[in-house]
Amino acid sequence: MNLNIIMIAVIAANVLVSIKGFNDLSFFERYKFQIRAIKNGERLRMLTSGFLHVDVTHLLFNMITFYFFAPIVISHFGNPKFLGIYLASLLAGNLLSFQFHKGEDHYSAVGASGAVTGVIYSAILLNPKMSLYFFFIPIPIPAYVFGIGYLFYSIYGMKRRIGNIGHTAHFGGAIGGYILTLIFYPGLVTIDPLMVILLAIPIVLLYILGKTGKM
């Protein structure tokens, strides 16, 4: 698998900014996602927080996942559109997080997970029948099954506030990846309408739950 210039740039940006954050607490605090600060006008945090990570494990997990899924999206769209999907997913994840947690002034978060989840969901939409393997499951899982199941789990995680995980950012990132992929490749609606509909089900469910006050 070859690293192209955009993949290198994204990984480098995440590594360099994260290392700076590991070693400079004031830098980390200044640029992390934080509801109160964003309400006070520090909107740049919506972007910068996506390049900070809590620790090396957090950074490695996101970058390794990015490394495996990014080439699928790049091969379909090229570098500019891929970068658009990455950044739009990052912002969509943080926008949904802000909407979901806007009453919690103390809430904060960091990480590229929203952007990476957007890339994953884009890759799944483009190649829904590819097989995914996980070390704890000995059989291949169709990508679309994983994608749908993961978003259902994210909804559950959002409702139950499970773990120290940004379920909302993940879900928002997936929405960004889904929408941008269809904007860049509208022919998918006629080429594989079933998958387009199936992958939209968790998104529609979240919208309904939000509108009915059940989230």
C-alpha atoms as a PDB file:
ATOM      1  CA  MET A   1       0.000   0.000   0.000  1.00  0.00           C
ATOM      2  CA  ASN A   2       1.581   3.279  -1.104  1.00  0.00           C
ATOM      3  CA  LEU A   3       1.421   6.461   0.917  1.00  0.00           C
ATOM      4  CA  ASN A   4       0.541   9.427  -1.260  1.00  0.00           C
ATOM      5  CA  ILE A   5       1.272  13.051  -0.445  1.00  0.00           C
ATOM      6  CA  ILE A   6      -2.100  13.782   1.179  1.00  0.00           C
ATOM      7  CA  MET A   7      -1.954  10.693   3.390  1.00  0.00           C
ATOM      8  CA  ILE A   8       1.553  11.677   4.484  1.00  0.00           C
ATOM      9  CA  ALA A   9       0.436  15.269   5.152  1.00  0.00           C
ATOM     10  CA  VAL A  10      -2.590  14.195   7.237  1.00  0.00           C
ATOM     11  CA  ILE A  11      -0.596  11.689   9.278  1.00  0.00           C
ATOM     12  CA  ALA A  12       2.260  14.181   9.754  1.00  0.00           C
ATOM     13  CA  ALA A  13      -0.139  16.922  10.889  1.00  0.00           C
ATOM     14  CA  ASN A  14      -1.741  14.603  13.440  1.00  0.00           C
ATOM     15  CA  VAL A  15       1.619  13.371  14.732  1.00  0.00           C
ATOM     16  CA  LEU A  16       3.239  16.808  15.001  1.00  0.00           C
ATOM     17  CA  VAL A  17       0.255  18.543  16.612  1.00  0.00           C
ATOM     18  CA  SER A  18      -0.317  15.636  18.992  1.00  0.00           C
ATOM     19  CA  ILE A  19       3.327  15.532  20.077  1.00  0.00           C
ATOM     20  CA  LYS A  20       3.186  19.267  20.722  1.00  0.00           C
ATOM     21  CA  GLY A  21       0.073  18.669  22.844  1.00  0.00           C
ATOM     22  CA  PHE A  22       1.713  15.796  24.753  1.00  0.00           C
ATOM     23  CA  ASN A  23       4.567  18.081  25.777  1.00  0.00           C
ATOM     24  CA  ASP A  24       2.755  21.393  26.216  1.00  0.00           C
ATOM     25  CA  LEU A  25      -0.357  21.317  28.386  1.00  0.00           C
ATOM     26  CA  SER A  26      -1.213  24.968  27.689  1.00  0.00           C
ATOM     27  CA  PHE A  27      -1.170  24.232  23.928  1.00  0.00           C
ATOM     28  CA  PHE A  28      -3.381  21.180  24.469  1.00  0.00           C
ATOM     29  CA  GLU A  29      -5.864  23.154  26.570  1.00  0.00           C
ATOM     30  CA  ARG A  30      -5.889  26.063  24.104  1.00  0.00           C
ATOM     31  CA  TYR A  31      -6.822  23.960  21.079  1.00  0.00           C
ATOM     32  CA  LYS A  32      -8.927  21.048  22.374  1.00  0.00           C
ATOM     33  CA  PHE A  33     -12.701  20.856  21.756  1.00  0.00           C
ATOM     34  CA  GLN A  34     -14.350  22.540  24.739  1.00  0.00           C
ATOM     35  CA  ILE A  35     -17.996  23.599  24.834  1.00  0.00           C
ATOM     36  CA  ARG A  36     -17.598  26.702  27.001  1.00  0.00           C
ATOM     37  CA  ALA A  37     -14.693  28.032  24.943  1.00  0.00           C
ATOM     38  CA  ILE A  38     -16.509  27.458  21.654  1.00  0.00           C
ATOM     39  CA  LYS A  39     -19.588  29.223  23.006  1.00  0.00           C
ATOM     40  CA  ASN A  40     -17.287  32.129  23.831  1.00  0.00           C
ATOM     41  CA  GLY A  41     -16.224  32.383  20.197  1.00  0.00           C
ATOM     42  CA  GLU A  42     -13.184  30.106  19.991  1.00  0.00           C
ATOM     43  CA  ARG A  43     -14.505  28.284  16.933  1.00  0.00           C
ATOM     44  CA  LEU A  44     -11.036  27.329  15.672  1.00  0.00           C
ATOM     45  CA  ARG A  45     -11.148  24.546  18.284  1.00  0.00           C
ATOM     46  CA  MET A  46     -13.693  22.793  16.051  1.00  0.00           C
ATOM     47  CA  LEU A  47     -10.808  22.144  13.647  1.00  0.00           C
ATOM     48  CA  THR A  48      -7.691  22.029  15.817  1.00  0.00           C
ATOM     49  CA  SER A  49      -9.092  19.488  18.284  1.00  0.00           C
ATOM     50  CA  GLY A  50      -9.171  16.947  15.453  1.00  0.00           C
ATOM     51  CA  PHE A  51      -5.371  16.904  15.316  1.00  0.00           C
ATOM     52  CA  LEU A  52      -4.764  16.504  19.061  1.00  0.00           C
ATOM     53  CA  HIS A  53      -4.767  13.142  20.843  1.00  0.00           C
ATOM     54  CA  VAL A  54      -4.820  12.041  24.460  1.00  0.00           C
ATOM     55  CA  ASP A  55      -1.797   9.747  24.199  1.00  0.00           C
ATOM     56  CA  VAL A  56       0.331   7.719  21.771  1.00  0.00           C
ATOM     57  CA  THR A  57      -2.097   4.768  21.773  1.00  0.00           C
ATOM     58  CA  HIS A  58      -4.999   7.036  20.817  1.00  0.00           C
ATOM     59  CA  LEU A  59      -2.910   8.588  18.025  1.00  0.00           C
ATOM     60  CA  LEU A  60      -1.663   5.247  16.685  1.00  0.00           C
ATOM     61  CA  PHE A  61      -5.122   3.683  16.627  1.00  0.00           C
ATOM     62  CA  ASN A  62      -6.564   6.562  14.601  1.00  0.00           C
ATOM     63  CA  MET A  63      -3.635   6.778  12.178  1.00  0.00           C
ATOM     64  CA  ILE A  64      -3.439   3.021  11.565  1.00  0.00           C
ATOM     65  CA  THR A  65      -7.183   2.926  10.850  1.00  0.00           C
ATOM     66  CA  PHE A  66      -6.789   5.952   8.570  1.00  0.00           C
ATOM     67  CA  TYR A  67      -3.905   4.225   6.756  1.00  0.00           C
ATOM     68  CA  PHE A  68      -6.040   1.217   5.816  1.00  0.00           C
ATOM     69  CA  PHE A  69      -9.195   3.020   4.659  1.00  0.00           C
ATOM     70  CA  ALA A  70      -7.917   6.263   3.115  1.00  0.00           C
ATOM     71  CA  PRO A  71      -6.516   4.647  -0.090  1.00  0.00           C
ATOM     72  CA  ILE A  72      -9.978   3.353  -1.016  1.00  0.00           C
ATOM     73  CA  VAL A  73     -11.418   6.859  -0.969  1.00  0.00           C
ATOM     74  CA  ILE A  74      -8.379   8.426  -2.634  1.00  0.00           C
ATOM     75  CA  SER A  75      -8.480   5.889  -5.480  1.00  0.00           C
ATOM     76  CA  HIS A  76     -12.085   6.880  -6.260  1.00  0.00           C
ATOM     77  CA  PHE A  77     -11.892  10.654  -5.799  1.00  0.00           C
ATOM     78  CA  GLY A  78      -8.274  11.808  -5.890  1.00  0.00           C
ATOM     79  CA  ASN A  79      -6.531  13.966  -3.328  1.00  0.00           C
ATOM     80  CA  PRO A  80      -8.555  17.225  -3.258  1.00  0.00           C
ATOM     81  CA  LYS A  81     -11.938  15.541  -2.788  1.00  0.00           C
ATOM     82  CA  PHE A  82     -10.490  13.065  -0.315  1.00  0.00           C
ATOM     83  CA  LEU A  83      -9.110  15.919   1.766  1.00  0.00           C
ATOM     84  CA  GLY A  84     -12.532  17.574   1.549  1.00  0.00           C
ATOM     85  CA  ILE A  85     -14.156  14.428   2.940  1.00  0.00           C
ATOM     86  CA  TYR A  86     -11.584  14.203   5.749  1.00  0.00           C
ATOM     87  CA  LEU A  87     -11.972  17.813   6.868  1.00  0.00           C
ATOM     88  CA  ALA A  88     -15.756  17.900   6.396  1.00  0.00           C
ATOM     89  CA  SER A  89     -16.091  14.732   8.491  1.00  0.00           C
ATOM     90  CA  LEU A  90     -13.900  16.233  11.200  1.00  0.00           C
ATOM     91  CA  LEU A  91     -16.079  19.339  11.344  1.00  0.00           C
ATOM     92  CA  ALA A  92     -19.334  17.371  11.090  1.00  0.00           C
ATOM     93  CA  GLY A  93     -18.256  15.238  14.050  1.00  0.00           C
ATOM     94  CA  ASN A  94     -17.503  18.279  16.165  1.00  0.00           C
ATOM     95  CA  LEU A  95     -20.672  20.088  15.078  1.00  0.00           C
ATOM     96  CA  LEU A  96     -22.806  17.128  16.138  1.00  0.00           C
ATOM     97  CA  SER A  97     -20.848  16.907  19.396  1.00  0.00           C
ATOM     98  CA  PHE A  98     -21.464  20.589  20.023  1.00  0.00           C
ATOM     99  CA  GLN A  99     -25.175  20.199  19.326  1.00  0.00           C
ATOM    100  CA  PHE A 100     -25.466  17.095  21.516  1.00  0.00           C
ATOM    101  CA  HIS A 101     -23.400  18.438  24.433  1.00  0.00           C
ATOM    102  CA  LYS A 102     -24.129  22.166  24.194  1.00  0.00           C
ATOM    103  CA  GLY A 103     -25.687  22.187  27.659  1.00  0.00           C
ATOM    104  CA  GLU A 104     -22.508  20.749  29.201  1.00  0.00           C
ATOM    105  CA  ASP A 105     -20.042  23.649  29.413  1.00  0.00           C
ATOM    106  CA  HIS A 106     -17.373  21.381  30.898  1.00  0.00           C
ATOM    107  CA  TYR A 107     -17.458  18.871  28.017  1.00  0.00           C
ATOM    108  CA  SER A 108     -14.190  18.522  26.108  1.00  0.00           C
ATOM    109  CA  ALA A 109     -12.716  16.121  23.567  1.00  0.00           C
ATOM    110  CA  VAL A 110      -9.798  15.589  21.196  1.00  0.00           C
ATOM    111  CA  GLY A 111      -8.904  13.212  18.389  1.00  0.00           C
ATOM    112  CA  ALA A 112      -9.158  12.501  14.675  1.00  0.00           C
ATOM    113  CA  SER A 113     -11.840   9.859  15.242  1.00  0.00           C
ATOM    114  CA  GLY A 114     -14.633  11.871  13.611  1.00  0.00           C
ATOM    115  CA  ALA A 115     -12.561  12.500  10.483  1.00  0.00           C
ATOM    116  CA  VAL A 116     -11.358   8.897  10.363  1.00  0.00           C
ATOM    117  CA  THR A 117     -14.888   7.540  10.820  1.00  0.00           C
ATOM    118  CA  GLY A 118     -16.013   9.731   7.913  1.00  0.00           C
ATOM    119  CA  VAL A 119     -13.277   8.196   5.751  1.00  0.00           C
ATOM    120  CA  ILE A 120     -14.319   4.703   6.873  1.00  0.00           C
ATOM    121  CA  TYR A 121     -17.992   5.323   6.074  1.00  0.00           C
ATOM    122  CA  SER A 122     -17.061   6.812   2.701  1.00  0.00           C
ATOM    123  CA  ALA A 123     -14.926   3.750   1.914  1.00  0.00           C
ATOM    124  CA  ILE A 124     -17.772   1.438   2.931  1.00  0.00           C
ATOM    125  CA  LEU A 125     -20.248   3.324   0.752  1.00  0.00           C
ATOM    126  CA  LEU A 126     -17.834   3.043  -2.178  1.00  0.00           C
ATOM    127  CA  ASN A 127     -17.041  -0.620  -1.556  1.00  0.00           C
ATOM    128  CA  PRO A 128     -19.761  -2.019   0.726  1.00  0.00           C
ATOM    129  CA  LYS A 129     -19.078  -5.683   0.048  1.00  0.00           C
ATOM    130  CA  MET A 130     -15.395  -5.680   0.946  1.00  0.00           C
ATOM    131  CA  SER A 131     -14.564  -7.950   3.872  1.00  0.00           C
ATOM    132  CA  LEU A 132     -13.229  -6.613   7.155  1.00  0.00           C
ATOM    133  CA  TYR A 133     -11.278  -8.764   9.591  1.00  0.00           C
ATOM    134  CA  PHE A 134     -10.910  -8.241  13.340  1.00  0.00           C
ATOM    135  CA  PHE A 135      -8.468 -10.150  15.529  1.00  0.00           C
ATOM    136  CA  PHE A 136     -11.204 -11.078  18.007  1.00  0.00           C
ATOM    137  CA  ILE A 137     -13.630 -12.349  15.328  1.00  0.00           C
ATOM    138  CA  PRO A 138     -12.315 -15.281  13.224  1.00  0.00           C
ATOM    139  CA  ILE A 139     -14.614 -14.699  10.229  1.00  0.00           C
ATOM    140  CA  PRO A 140     -14.759 -11.860   7.682  1.00  0.00           C
ATOM    141  CA  ILE A 141     -17.490  -9.255   8.142  1.00  0.00           C
ATOM    142  CA  PRO A 142     -19.038  -7.457   5.137  1.00  0.00           C
ATOM    143  CA  ALA A 143     -18.129  -3.783   5.353  1.00  0.00           C
ATOM    144  CA  TYR A 144     -21.723  -2.560   5.175  1.00  0.00           C
ATOM    145  CA  VAL A 145     -22.724  -4.793   8.108  1.00  0.00           C
ATOM    146  CA  PHE A 146     -19.884  -3.357  10.164  1.00  0.00           C
ATOM    147  CA  GLY A 147     -20.751   0.227   9.167  1.00  0.00           C
ATOM    148  CA  ILE A 148     -24.425  -0.049  10.038  1.00  0.00           C
ATOM    149  CA  GLY A 149     -23.723  -1.978  13.236  1.00  0.00           C
ATOM    150  CA  TYR A 150     -21.100   0.513  14.363  1.00  0.00           C
ATOM    151  CA  LEU A 151     -23.471   3.461  13.963  1.00  0.00           C
ATOM    152  CA  PHE A 152     -26.212   1.644  15.858  1.00  0.00           C
ATOM    153  CA  TYR A 153     -23.671   1.048  18.627  1.00  0.00           C
ATOM    154  CA  SER A 154     -22.730   4.754  18.499  1.00  0.00           C
ATOM    155  CA  ILE A 155     -26.383   5.719  19.015  1.00  0.00           C
ATOM    156  CA  TYR A 156     -26.514   3.369  22.008  1.00  0.00           C
ATOM    157  CA  GLY A 157     -23.252   4.825  23.302  1.00  0.00           C
ATOM    158  CA  MET A 158     -24.592   8.359  22.929  1.00  0.00           C
ATOM    159  CA  LYS A 159     -27.775   7.542  24.831  1.00  0.00           C
ATOM    160  CA  ARG A 160     -26.020   5.628  27.612  1.00  0.00           C
ATOM    161  CA  ARG A 161     -22.857   7.789  27.719  1.00  0.00           C
ATOM    162  CA  ILE A 162     -20.755   4.631  27.509  1.00  0.00           C
ATOM    163  CA  GLY A 163     -17.063   5.007  28.258  1.00  0.00           C
ATOM    164  CA  ASN A 164     -14.725   7.913  27.604  1.00  0.00           C
ATOM    165  CA  ILE A 165     -15.404   7.688  23.873  1.00  0.00           C
ATOM    166  CA  GLY A 166     -16.614  10.394  21.493  1.00  0.00           C
ATOM    167  CA  HIS A 167     -19.556   8.423  20.108  1.00  0.00           C
ATOM    168  CA  THR A 168     -21.195  11.640  18.889  1.00  0.00           C
ATOM    169  CA  ALA A 169     -18.099  12.757  16.977  1.00  0.00           C
ATOM    170  CA  HIS A 170     -17.851   9.313  15.378  1.00  0.00           C
ATOM    171  CA  PHE A 171     -21.469   9.460  14.263  1.00  0.00           C
ATOM    172  CA  GLY A 172     -21.172  13.030  12.989  1.00  0.00           C
ATOM    173  CA  GLY A 173     -18.048  12.088  11.072  1.00  0.00           C
ATOM    174  CA  ALA A 174     -19.875   9.192   9.434  1.00  0.00           C
ATOM    175  CA  ILE A 175     -22.663  11.563   8.370  1.00  0.00           C
ATOM    176  CA  GLY A 176     -20.069  13.901   6.832  1.00  0.00           C
ATOM    177  CA  GLY A 177     -18.403  11.046   4.960  1.00  0.00           C
ATOM    178  CA  TYR A 178     -21.741   9.697   3.731  1.00  0.00           C
ATOM    179  CA  ILE A 179     -23.053  13.043   2.456  1.00  0.00           C
ATOM    180  CA  LEU A 180     -19.809  14.173   0.791  1.00  0.00           C
ATOM    181  CA  THR A 181     -19.382  10.806  -0.918  1.00  0.00           C
ATOM    182  CA  LEU A 182     -22.848  11.072  -2.459  1.00  0.00           C
ATOM    183  CA  ILE A 183     -22.229  14.690  -3.467  1.00  0.00           C
ATOM    184  CA  PHE A 184     -18.979  13.713  -5.200  1.00  0.00           C
ATOM    185  CA  TYR A 185     -20.421  10.490  -6.656  1.00  0.00           C
ATOM    186  CA  PRO A 186     -24.210  10.905  -7.060  1.00  0.00           C
ATOM    187  CA  GLY A 187     -24.283   7.960  -9.452  1.00  0.00           C
ATOM    188  CA  LEU A 188     -24.079   5.640  -6.439  1.00  0.00           C
ATOM    189  CA  VAL A 189     -27.776   6.276  -5.882  1.00  0.00           C
ATOM    190  CA  THR A 190     -28.582   4.471  -9.146  1.00  0.00           C
ATOM    191  CA  ILE A 191     -25.624   2.044  -9.161  1.00  0.00           C
ATOM    192  CA  ASP A 192     -26.287   0.596  -5.687  1.00  0.00           C
ATOM    193  CA  PRO A 193     -29.474   2.140  -4.248  1.00  0.00           C
ATOM    194  CA  LEU A 194     -29.923  -0.651  -1.694  1.00  0.00           C
ATOM    195  CA  MET A 195     -26.593   0.059  -0.026  1.00  0.00           C
ATOM    196  CA  VAL A 196     -27.187   3.805  -0.122  1.00  0.00           C
ATOM    197  CA  ILE A 197     -30.481   3.237   1.699  1.00  0.00           C
ATOM    198  CA  LEU A 198     -29.130   0.656   4.164  1.00  0.00           C
ATOM    199  CA  LEU A 199     -26.202   2.855   5.181  1.00  0.00           C
ATOM    200  CA  ALA A 200     -28.592   5.770   5.695  1.00  0.00           C
ATOM    201  CA  ILE A 201     -30.803   3.876   8.164  1.00  0.00           C
ATOM    202  CA  PRO A 202     -28.784   4.701  11.330  1.00  0.00           C
ATOM    203  CA  ILE A 203     -28.554   8.348  10.259  1.00  0.00           C
ATOM    204  CA  VAL A 204     -32.310   8.581   9.752  1.00  0.00           C
ATOM    205  CA  LEU A 205     -32.885   6.810  13.076  1.00  0.00           C
ATOM    206  CA  LEU A 206     -30.702   9.319  14.924  1.00  0.00           C
ATOM    207  CA  TYR A 207     -32.602  12.185  13.275  1.00  0.00           C
ATOM    208  CA  ILE A 208     -35.941  10.689  14.359  1.00  0.00           C
ATOM    209  CA  LEU A 209     -34.730  10.088  17.911  1.00  0.00           C
ATOM    210  CA  GLY A 210     -33.462  13.641  18.089  1.00  0.00           C
ATOM    211  CA  LYS A 211     -36.691  15.136  16.780  1.00  0.00           C
ATOM    212  CA  THR A 212     -38.777  13.084  19.209  1.00  0.00           C
ATOM    213  CA  GLY A 213     -36.608  14.017  22.181  1.00  0.00           C
ATOM    214  CA  LYS A 214     -35.404  10.486  22.819  1.00  0.00           C
ATOM    215  CA  MET A 215     -31.680  11.274  22.664  1.00  0.00           C
END
